[in-house]
Amino acid sequence: MTDSISSTASALTVTREDVTRAELDELGVDLDRDFPGSTEADFKRYPVLSEGGWFIVIKHQPTLTSVSRTPWERLGPIELTSKGLQIN
């Protein structure tokens, strides 16, 4: 038997991070008023690419309502090998 080599690329994934109640409070989100019946487990933080570039957002997952949108790295998850290089 010969080993076969797969030519299919592995899937890309985006890690959605949990958001704490304290972080939501800091953003001015009142769960009872703004998202009745929701808990902090309904909110996730992850990178998105839009017409304005890359952002780290916090979204209410059931409705995809953004509660925070912060500019991220210019190239998003791509890091140039020259990042941090100091030339004197």
N, C-alpha and C. Protein backbone atom coordinates (compact mmCIF):
# COMPACT_ATOMS: atom_id res chain seq x y z
N MET A 1 0.83 -1.18 0.00
CA MET A 1 0.00 0.00 0.00
C MET A 1 0.87 1.24 0.00
N THR A 2 0.46 2.22 -0.75
CA THR A 2 1.20 3.47 -0.76
C THR A 2 0.45 4.53 0.01
N ASP A 3 1.21 5.40 0.61
CA ASP A 3 0.59 6.52 1.33
C ASP A 3 0.13 7.57 0.32
N SER A 4 -1.05 8.07 0.51
CA SER A 4 -1.53 9.11 -0.39
C SER A 4 -1.31 10.48 0.24
N ILE A 5 -1.07 11.45 -0.60
CA ILE A 5 -0.86 12.81 -0.14
C ILE A 5 -2.08 13.62 -0.53
N SER A 6 -2.64 14.29 0.42
CA SER A 6 -3.83 15.10 0.16
C SER A 6 -3.42 16.44 -0.43
N SER A 7 -4.14 16.86 -1.45
CA SER A 7 -3.85 18.15 -2.05
C SER A 7 -4.83 19.22 -1.56
N THR A 8 -5.66 18.87 -0.61
CA THR A 8 -6.63 19.82 -0.07
C THR A 8 -5.99 20.63 1.04
N ALA A 9 -6.14 21.93 0.96
CA ALA A 9 -5.60 22.82 1.99
C ALA A 9 -6.42 22.67 3.27
N SER A 10 -5.75 22.85 4.38
CA SER A 10 -6.48 22.78 5.66
C SER A 10 -7.38 24.01 5.79
N ALA A 11 -8.45 23.86 6.51
CA ALA A 11 -9.43 24.93 6.66
C ALA A 11 -8.88 26.04 7.56
N LEU A 12 -9.22 27.26 7.22
CA LEU A 12 -8.87 28.39 8.06
C LEU A 12 -9.94 28.54 9.13
N THR A 13 -9.53 28.89 10.32
CA THR A 13 -10.49 29.07 11.39
C THR A 13 -10.26 30.40 12.09
N VAL A 14 -11.30 30.93 12.66
CA VAL A 14 -11.22 32.16 13.44
C VAL A 14 -11.59 31.80 14.86
N THR A 15 -10.72 32.12 15.78
CA THR A 15 -10.99 31.85 17.19
C THR A 15 -11.84 32.98 17.75
N ARG A 16 -12.98 32.65 18.26
CA ARG A 16 -13.85 33.64 18.88
C ARG A 16 -13.66 33.54 20.39
N GLU A 17 -13.16 34.63 20.96
CA GLU A 17 -12.84 34.64 22.39
C GLU A 17 -14.06 35.05 23.22
N ASP A 18 -14.12 34.49 24.41
CA ASP A 18 -15.19 34.85 25.34
C ASP A 18 -14.98 36.28 25.85
N VAL A 19 -16.08 36.91 26.24
CA VAL A 19 -16.06 38.26 26.79
C VAL A 19 -16.62 38.19 28.20
N THR A 20 -16.01 38.92 29.12
CA THR A 20 -16.46 38.89 30.51
C THR A 20 -17.54 39.94 30.77
N ARG A 21 -18.25 39.75 31.84
CA ARG A 21 -19.28 40.73 32.25
C ARG A 21 -18.65 42.09 32.54
N ALA A 22 -17.45 42.07 33.13
CA ALA A 22 -16.75 43.32 33.44
C ALA A 22 -16.41 44.09 32.15
N GLU A 23 -15.99 43.37 31.10
CA GLU A 23 -15.69 44.03 29.82
C GLU A 23 -16.95 44.65 29.22
N LEU A 24 -18.06 43.95 29.30
CA LEU A 24 -19.32 44.49 28.79
C LEU A 24 -19.74 45.72 29.58
N ASP A 25 -19.58 45.67 30.91
CA ASP A 25 -19.90 46.83 31.74
C ASP A 25 -19.03 48.03 31.35
N GLU A 26 -17.75 47.77 31.09
CA GLU A 26 -16.82 48.82 30.68
C GLU A 26 -17.24 49.47 29.37
N LEU A 27 -17.85 48.69 28.49
CA LEU A 27 -18.32 49.20 27.19
C LEU A 27 -19.69 49.86 27.29
N GLY A 28 -20.26 49.85 28.48
CA GLY A 28 -21.56 50.48 28.69
C GLY A 28 -22.74 49.62 28.28
N VAL A 29 -22.52 48.32 28.19
CA VAL A 29 -23.60 47.40 27.81
C VAL A 29 -24.34 46.96 29.08
N ASP A 30 -25.64 47.24 29.11
CA ASP A 30 -26.49 46.78 30.19
C ASP A 30 -27.29 45.60 29.63
N LEU A 31 -26.94 44.40 30.04
CA LEU A 31 -27.57 43.21 29.47
C LEU A 31 -29.09 43.22 29.63
N ASP A 32 -29.59 43.62 30.79
CA ASP A 32 -31.04 43.62 31.02
C ASP A 32 -31.75 44.61 30.10
N ARG A 33 -31.14 45.76 29.86
CA ARG A 33 -31.77 46.78 29.04
C ARG A 33 -31.52 46.56 27.54
N ASP A 34 -30.25 46.32 27.17
CA ASP A 34 -29.85 46.26 25.76
C ASP A 34 -30.10 44.91 25.10
N PHE A 35 -29.90 43.83 25.86
CA PHE A 35 -30.04 42.47 25.30
C PHE A 35 -30.77 41.59 26.31
N PRO A 36 -32.07 41.83 26.51
CA PRO A 36 -32.83 41.07 27.52
C PRO A 36 -32.75 39.56 27.27
N GLY A 37 -32.49 38.83 28.34
CA GLY A 37 -32.42 37.37 28.24
C GLY A 37 -31.05 36.84 27.84
N SER A 38 -30.11 37.73 27.52
CA SER A 38 -28.76 37.31 27.11
C SER A 38 -27.83 37.27 28.31
N THR A 39 -26.75 36.52 28.16
CA THR A 39 -25.69 36.47 29.16
C THR A 39 -24.38 36.84 28.48
N GLU A 40 -23.32 36.98 29.26
CA GLU A 40 -22.02 37.31 28.66
C GLU A 40 -21.53 36.21 27.71
N ALA A 41 -22.04 35.00 27.87
CA ALA A 41 -21.66 33.90 26.98
C ALA A 41 -22.16 34.12 25.55
N ASP A 42 -23.12 35.03 25.37
CA ASP A 42 -23.65 35.34 24.04
C ASP A 42 -22.79 36.32 23.26
N PHE A 43 -21.71 36.81 23.88
CA PHE A 43 -20.84 37.80 23.25
C PHE A 43 -19.48 37.18 22.97
N LYS A 44 -18.91 37.49 21.81
CA LYS A 44 -17.60 36.97 21.42
C LYS A 44 -16.76 38.09 20.82
N ARG A 45 -15.44 37.95 20.96
CA ARG A 45 -14.46 38.88 20.39
C ARG A 45 -13.70 38.16 19.29
N TYR A 46 -13.57 38.82 18.12
CA TYR A 46 -12.83 38.21 17.01
C TYR A 46 -12.50 39.27 15.96
N PRO A 47 -11.52 38.98 15.09
CA PRO A 47 -11.15 39.93 14.05
C PRO A 47 -12.10 39.86 12.85
N VAL A 48 -12.33 41.03 12.24
CA VAL A 48 -13.11 41.10 11.00
C VAL A 48 -12.42 42.05 10.03
N LEU A 49 -12.63 41.81 8.75
CA LEU A 49 -12.11 42.68 7.71
C LEU A 49 -13.29 43.41 7.08
N SER A 50 -13.21 44.74 7.06
CA SER A 50 -14.27 45.53 6.44
C SER A 50 -13.65 46.52 5.47
N GLU A 51 -14.48 47.37 4.89
CA GLU A 51 -13.98 48.35 3.94
C GLU A 51 -12.97 49.31 4.58
N GLY A 52 -12.99 49.43 5.89
CA GLY A 52 -12.07 50.31 6.61
C GLY A 52 -10.82 49.62 7.10
N GLY A 53 -10.64 48.35 6.80
CA GLY A 53 -9.48 47.60 7.25
C GLY A 53 -9.86 46.54 8.28
N TRP A 54 -8.86 46.08 9.02
CA TRP A 54 -9.07 45.04 10.03
C TRP A 54 -9.48 45.67 11.35
N PHE A 55 -10.43 45.02 12.03
CA PHE A 55 -10.90 45.47 13.34
C PHE A 55 -11.06 44.26 14.25
N ILE A 56 -10.90 44.50 15.55
CA ILE A 56 -11.28 43.52 16.57
C ILE A 56 -12.65 43.96 17.06
N VAL A 57 -13.63 43.09 16.94
CA VAL A 57 -15.00 43.44 17.31
C VAL A 57 -15.48 42.55 18.45
N ILE A 58 -16.43 43.08 19.18
CA ILE A 58 -17.18 42.27 20.15
C ILE A 58 -18.61 42.34 19.66
N LYS A 59 -19.19 41.16 19.41
CA LYS A 59 -20.54 41.09 18.86
C LYS A 59 -21.42 40.18 19.70
N HIS A 60 -22.69 40.55 19.74
CA HIS A 60 -23.73 39.71 20.34
C HIS A 60 -24.03 38.65 19.28
N GLN A 61 -23.69 37.41 19.53
CA GLN A 61 -23.75 36.36 18.53
C GLN A 61 -25.15 36.04 18.00
N PRO A 62 -26.20 36.02 18.81
CA PRO A 62 -27.52 35.72 18.26
C PRO A 62 -28.02 36.75 17.24
N THR A 63 -27.63 38.04 17.42
CA THR A 63 -28.11 39.09 16.52
C THR A 63 -27.00 39.70 15.66
N LEU A 64 -25.74 39.37 15.96
CA LEU A 64 -24.56 39.93 15.31
C LEU A 64 -24.48 41.46 15.44
N THR A 65 -25.04 41.98 16.52
CA THR A 65 -24.95 43.39 16.83
C THR A 65 -23.56 43.69 17.40
N SER A 66 -22.86 44.68 16.82
CA SER A 66 -21.55 45.06 17.32
C SER A 66 -21.70 45.94 18.56
N VAL A 67 -20.93 45.64 19.60
CA VAL A 67 -20.90 46.49 20.78
C VAL A 67 -19.54 47.16 20.94
N SER A 68 -18.55 46.69 20.18
CA SER A 68 -17.22 47.30 20.20
C SER A 68 -16.53 47.02 18.87
N ARG A 69 -15.79 48.01 18.39
CA ARG A 69 -15.07 47.88 17.12
C ARG A 69 -13.78 48.69 17.25
N THR A 70 -12.64 48.00 17.37
CA THR A 70 -11.35 48.64 17.59
C THR A 70 -10.42 48.35 16.41
N PRO A 71 -9.78 49.38 15.83
CA PRO A 71 -8.84 49.12 14.73
C PRO A 71 -7.76 48.12 15.17
N TRP A 72 -7.38 47.25 14.24
CA TRP A 72 -6.38 46.21 14.51
C TRP A 72 -5.17 46.45 13.63
N GLU A 73 -4.33 45.47 13.50
CA GLU A 73 -3.15 45.56 12.65
C GLU A 73 -3.55 45.83 11.20
N ARG A 74 -2.75 46.57 10.50
CA ARG A 74 -3.06 46.94 9.11
C ARG A 74 -3.28 45.73 8.21
N LEU A 75 -2.49 44.68 8.42
CA LEU A 75 -2.61 43.48 7.60
C LEU A 75 -3.33 42.35 8.33
N GLY A 76 -3.97 42.68 9.44
CA GLY A 76 -4.71 41.66 10.18
C GLY A 76 -3.80 40.60 10.75
N PRO A 77 -4.08 39.33 10.49
CA PRO A 77 -3.29 38.26 11.08
C PRO A 77 -1.94 38.04 10.40
N ILE A 78 -1.66 38.75 9.31
CA ILE A 78 -0.40 38.58 8.59
C ILE A 78 0.66 39.47 9.21
N GLU A 79 1.77 38.87 9.59
CA GLU A 79 2.89 39.64 10.14
C GLU A 79 4.06 39.59 9.18
N LEU A 80 4.55 40.76 8.83
CA LEU A 80 5.72 40.83 7.96
C LEU A 80 6.96 40.43 8.75
N THR A 81 7.91 39.84 8.07
CA THR A 81 9.15 39.45 8.75
C THR A 81 9.94 40.67 9.19
N SER A 82 9.65 41.81 8.60
CA SER A 82 10.37 43.03 8.97
C SER A 82 9.74 43.76 10.15
N LYS A 83 8.64 43.24 10.69
CA LYS A 83 7.99 43.89 11.84
C LYS A 83 8.94 43.93 13.03
N GLY A 84 9.10 45.09 13.59
CA GLY A 84 9.97 45.25 14.75
C GLY A 84 11.43 45.45 14.38
N LEU A 85 11.75 45.42 13.09
CA LEU A 85 13.13 45.60 12.64
C LEU A 85 13.53 47.06 12.81
N GLN A 86 14.66 47.27 13.44
CA GLN A 86 15.17 48.64 13.65
C GLN A 86 16.47 48.79 12.87
N ILE A 87 16.48 49.73 11.97
CA ILE A 87 17.67 49.99 11.16
C ILE A 87 18.28 51.30 11.64
N ASN A 88 19.55 51.25 12.01
CA ASN A 88 20.22 52.47 12.50
C ASN A 88 21.01 53.11 11.39
